[in-house]
């Protein structure tokens, strides 16, 4: 079963045009899971890794025209919402564990609905992507499972036993810092960071308590 049992009753604006909702997710021991809705310049709504929510809240934003998954393990409510809203689903090429076939697949560098640009950030799994809103004045990045962010502290890496290649996860975060001028960071698990997102990612690397070694060549 891909969906959590709960349903969010509140939708919050992160920055103009980016909205957010969250649930206690029993599939992962009650930890926090987060999802997003982006309202494009033309008023179209794109859902990112959608979780269950009162659909009337999404309809108030506008017409849902697309659903984008950052990884195969984030299908969540995608298939139900595809049916309810008549919106196609975009998923990474090679995504594992999908319960239904996506309408479109994407790879690194593709431009997706709402002007989202895919940036390959493997580590937790191979087919995992950061979505970059390059045209947004707040420089927004949706970073999937690279880090979690509970509360107001420094983002943290998921324990290595839950990642395919933890060293690559760290490298992916460094590549974001090297290539994307991040200001706002939106997490798949944890509260968004609106300002100084790059600084928060840098602190996560500096304060990393696990620091796995590089794999053998």
Protein backbone atom coordinates (compact mmCIF):
# COMPACT_ATOMS: atom_id res chain seq x y z
CA UNK A 1 0.00 0.00 0.00
CA UNK A 2 1.61 3.21 -1.16
CA UNK A 3 -0.47 5.76 0.78
CA UNK A 4 -0.40 6.63 4.47
CA UNK A 5 -3.74 6.12 6.20
CA UNK A 6 -4.11 9.70 7.45
CA UNK A 7 -5.28 12.76 5.56
CA UNK A 8 -3.91 16.29 5.91
CA UNK A 9 -6.45 18.99 6.71
CA UNK A 10 -4.22 22.03 6.28
CA UNK A 11 -2.27 23.53 3.39
CA UNK A 12 0.49 26.06 4.14
CA UNK A 13 2.35 28.46 1.84
CA UNK A 14 6.13 28.10 2.00
CA UNK A 15 6.97 30.93 -0.39
CA UNK A 16 4.74 32.54 -3.05
CA UNK A 17 3.55 29.83 -5.42
CA UNK A 18 4.77 26.89 -3.30
CA UNK A 19 2.40 25.19 -0.87
CA UNK A 20 3.03 22.39 1.59
CA UNK A 21 1.28 19.77 3.69
CA UNK A 22 2.47 17.16 6.17
CA UNK A 23 1.39 13.94 7.89
CA UNK A 24 2.53 11.58 10.60
CA UNK A 25 3.36 8.59 8.41
CA UNK A 26 2.67 5.20 9.99
CA UNK A 27 4.50 3.44 7.12
CA UNK A 28 7.79 4.78 8.51
CA UNK A 29 7.08 4.45 12.22
CA UNK A 30 5.07 7.64 12.56
CA UNK A 31 7.84 9.90 11.27
CA UNK A 32 6.93 13.03 9.40
CA UNK A 33 6.32 13.00 5.64
CA UNK A 34 5.84 16.13 3.53
CA UNK A 35 4.40 16.98 0.10
CA UNK A 36 4.15 20.08 -2.06
CA UNK A 37 2.00 21.87 -4.62
CA UNK A 38 3.53 24.38 -7.04
CA UNK A 39 1.30 26.95 -8.74
CA UNK A 40 2.73 27.85 -12.13
CA UNK A 41 2.65 31.35 -13.63
CA UNK A 42 -0.39 30.38 -15.70
CA UNK A 43 -2.25 29.12 -12.61
CA UNK A 44 -1.72 25.40 -13.24
CA UNK A 45 -1.00 23.30 -10.14
CA UNK A 46 1.74 20.65 -10.05
CA UNK A 47 1.90 18.20 -7.15
CA UNK A 48 5.26 16.92 -5.90
CA UNK A 49 5.35 13.56 -4.05
CA UNK A 50 1.70 14.03 -3.00
CA UNK A 51 0.36 12.72 0.30
CA UNK A 52 -3.32 12.28 1.21
CA UNK A 53 -5.07 15.60 1.80
CA UNK A 54 -8.57 17.02 1.66
CA UNK A 55 -8.76 17.47 -2.10
CA UNK A 56 -10.93 20.57 -1.78
CA UNK A 57 -7.83 22.37 -0.46
CA UNK A 58 -5.88 21.51 -3.61
CA UNK A 59 -8.77 22.50 -5.88
CA UNK A 60 -8.78 25.96 -4.29
CA UNK A 61 -5.24 26.47 -5.62
CA UNK A 62 -6.33 25.88 -9.23
CA UNK A 63 -6.46 23.04 -11.73
CA UNK A 64 -4.08 20.18 -10.94
CA UNK A 65 -2.35 19.47 -14.26
CA UNK A 66 0.60 17.21 -13.34
CA UNK A 67 2.10 15.06 -10.60
CA UNK A 68 5.89 14.73 -10.29
CA UNK A 69 7.65 12.06 -8.23
CA UNK A 70 11.23 12.57 -7.05
CA UNK A 71 11.76 8.81 -6.57
CA UNK A 72 9.93 5.51 -6.88
CA UNK A 73 9.37 5.25 -3.13
CA UNK A 74 7.42 8.52 -3.15
CA UNK A 75 4.45 7.39 -5.23
CA UNK A 76 2.22 7.92 -2.18
CA UNK A 77 -1.18 9.25 -3.44
CA UNK A 78 -0.02 9.75 -7.03
CA UNK A 79 -2.17 7.09 -8.67
CA UNK A 80 -5.37 8.04 -6.87
CA UNK A 81 -4.82 11.71 -7.62
CA UNK A 82 -4.08 10.88 -11.26
CA UNK A 83 -7.54 9.37 -11.48
CA UNK A 84 -9.30 12.06 -9.42
CA UNK A 85 -7.70 15.07 -11.14
CA UNK A 86 -7.02 13.57 -14.57
CA UNK A 87 -3.39 14.67 -14.19
CA UNK A 88 -0.46 12.72 -15.69
CA UNK A 89 2.31 11.35 -13.48
CA UNK A 90 6.00 12.01 -14.16
CA UNK A 91 8.54 9.64 -12.55
CA UNK A 92 12.30 9.13 -12.81
CA UNK A 93 13.49 6.75 -15.48
CA UNK A 94 14.43 3.51 -13.73
CA UNK A 95 12.31 4.22 -10.63
CA UNK A 96 11.76 1.03 -8.66
CA UNK A 97 8.63 -0.28 -6.95
CA UNK A 98 6.01 1.74 -8.81
CA UNK A 99 2.55 0.22 -8.46
CA UNK A 100 1.37 1.70 -11.76
CA UNK A 101 3.10 2.90 -14.92
CA UNK A 102 3.82 6.63 -15.05
CA UNK A 103 2.61 8.64 -18.02
CA UNK A 104 6.07 10.13 -18.55
CA UNK A 105 9.62 9.34 -17.44
CA UNK A 106 12.38 11.88 -16.97
CA UNK A 107 16.17 11.94 -16.67
CA UNK A 108 18.75 14.46 -15.47
CA UNK A 109 18.41 17.91 -16.99
CA UNK A 110 14.82 17.54 -18.18
CA UNK A 111 12.43 20.44 -17.76
CA UNK A 112 9.23 19.22 -16.13
CA UNK A 113 5.83 20.85 -15.57
CA UNK A 114 5.89 24.20 -13.74
CA UNK A 115 9.43 24.74 -15.05
CA UNK A 116 10.92 22.27 -12.59
CA UNK A 117 14.38 21.06 -13.67
CA UNK A 118 15.54 17.57 -12.69
CA UNK A 119 18.94 17.27 -11.00
CA UNK A 120 20.18 13.72 -10.38
CA UNK A 121 21.01 13.20 -6.70
CA UNK A 122 21.53 9.46 -6.06
CA UNK A 123 22.53 7.85 -2.80
CA UNK A 124 19.38 6.85 -0.95
CA UNK A 125 18.55 5.08 -4.20
CA UNK A 126 19.87 5.39 -7.74
CA UNK A 127 16.81 6.96 -9.37
CA UNK A 128 16.42 9.91 -7.00
CA UNK A 129 16.18 13.54 -8.09
CA UNK A 130 16.22 17.03 -6.70
CA UNK A 131 13.72 19.33 -8.41
CA UNK A 132 14.99 22.83 -8.99
CA UNK A 133 12.73 25.88 -9.51
CA UNK A 134 15.31 27.91 -11.37
CA UNK A 135 12.88 30.67 -12.34
CA UNK A 136 11.54 31.25 -8.82
CA UNK A 137 12.98 34.34 -7.10
CA UNK A 138 13.52 32.34 -3.89
CA UNK A 139 15.67 29.66 -5.61
CA UNK A 140 13.64 26.67 -4.40
CA UNK A 141 14.95 23.09 -4.33
CA UNK A 142 12.92 19.98 -3.47
CA UNK A 143 15.56 17.53 -2.24
CA UNK A 144 13.64 14.29 -1.67
CA UNK A 145 15.33 11.84 0.77
CA UNK A 146 18.85 13.27 0.90
CA UNK A 147 18.21 14.83 4.30
CA UNK A 148 15.49 15.11 6.92
CA UNK A 149 14.68 18.21 8.94
CA UNK A 150 12.84 17.88 12.22
CA UNK A 151 12.17 21.20 13.88
CA UNK A 152 14.51 24.17 13.62
CA UNK A 153 17.86 22.40 13.86
CA UNK A 154 20.41 21.37 11.26
CA UNK A 155 19.15 18.91 8.61
CA UNK A 156 20.35 15.35 9.16
CA UNK A 157 21.25 12.40 6.95
CA UNK A 158 19.12 9.28 7.15
CA UNK A 159 21.08 6.44 8.86
CA UNK A 160 23.28 4.60 6.40
CA UNK A 161 21.46 1.27 6.77
CA UNK A 162 18.44 2.84 5.07
CA UNK A 163 20.40 4.15 2.07
CA UNK A 164 21.76 2.27 -0.92
CA UNK A 165 24.97 4.31 -1.09
CA UNK A 166 25.37 6.74 1.82
CA UNK A 167 28.65 8.14 0.50
CA UNK A 168 26.91 9.15 -2.76
CA UNK A 169 24.17 10.83 -0.70
CA UNK A 170 26.79 13.16 0.80
CA UNK A 171 28.28 13.74 -2.63
CA UNK A 172 24.82 14.62 -3.99
CA UNK A 173 24.35 17.27 -1.30
CA UNK A 174 27.76 18.72 -2.14
CA UNK A 175 26.84 18.78 -5.84
CA UNK A 176 23.70 20.77 -5.02
CA UNK A 177 25.88 23.31 -3.21
CA UNK A 178 28.31 23.39 -6.13
CA UNK A 179 25.72 23.81 -8.89
CA UNK A 180 22.43 25.21 -7.51
CA UNK A 181 22.19 28.61 -5.76
CA UNK A 182 19.75 27.31 -3.17
CA UNK A 183 17.82 29.66 -0.92
CA UNK A 184 14.65 27.71 0.00
CA UNK A 185 14.91 23.96 0.68
CA UNK A 186 11.84 21.72 0.72
CA UNK A 187 12.24 18.28 2.33
CA UNK A 188 10.23 15.10 1.71
CA UNK A 189 10.51 14.51 5.47
CA UNK A 190 10.68 17.66 7.55
CA UNK A 191 9.92 21.34 7.77
CA UNK A 192 10.97 23.50 4.80
CA UNK A 193 13.80 26.01 5.28
CA UNK A 194 12.76 29.30 3.66
CA UNK A 195 15.96 31.32 3.95
CA UNK A 196 19.68 30.44 3.88
CA UNK A 197 19.02 26.95 2.55
CA UNK A 198 22.55 26.57 1.19
CA UNK A 199 23.98 27.40 4.60
CA UNK A 200 21.76 24.71 6.16
CA UNK A 201 22.97 22.10 3.65
CA UNK A 202 26.57 23.08 4.32
CA UNK A 203 26.05 22.70 8.08
CA UNK A 204 24.55 19.25 7.51
CA UNK A 205 27.75 18.14 5.80
CA UNK A 206 29.97 19.77 8.43
CA UNK A 207 28.06 18.27 11.37
CA UNK A 208 27.54 14.84 9.82
CA UNK A 209 28.19 12.34 12.62
CA UNK A 210 28.40 9.25 10.42
CA UNK A 211 30.58 10.23 7.43
CA UNK A 212 30.78 6.93 5.51
CA UNK A 213 33.91 6.15 3.56
CA UNK A 214 34.05 6.16 -0.21
CA UNK A 215 33.41 2.82 -1.94
CA UNK A 216 36.37 0.94 -3.36
CA UNK A 217 37.11 1.73 -7.04
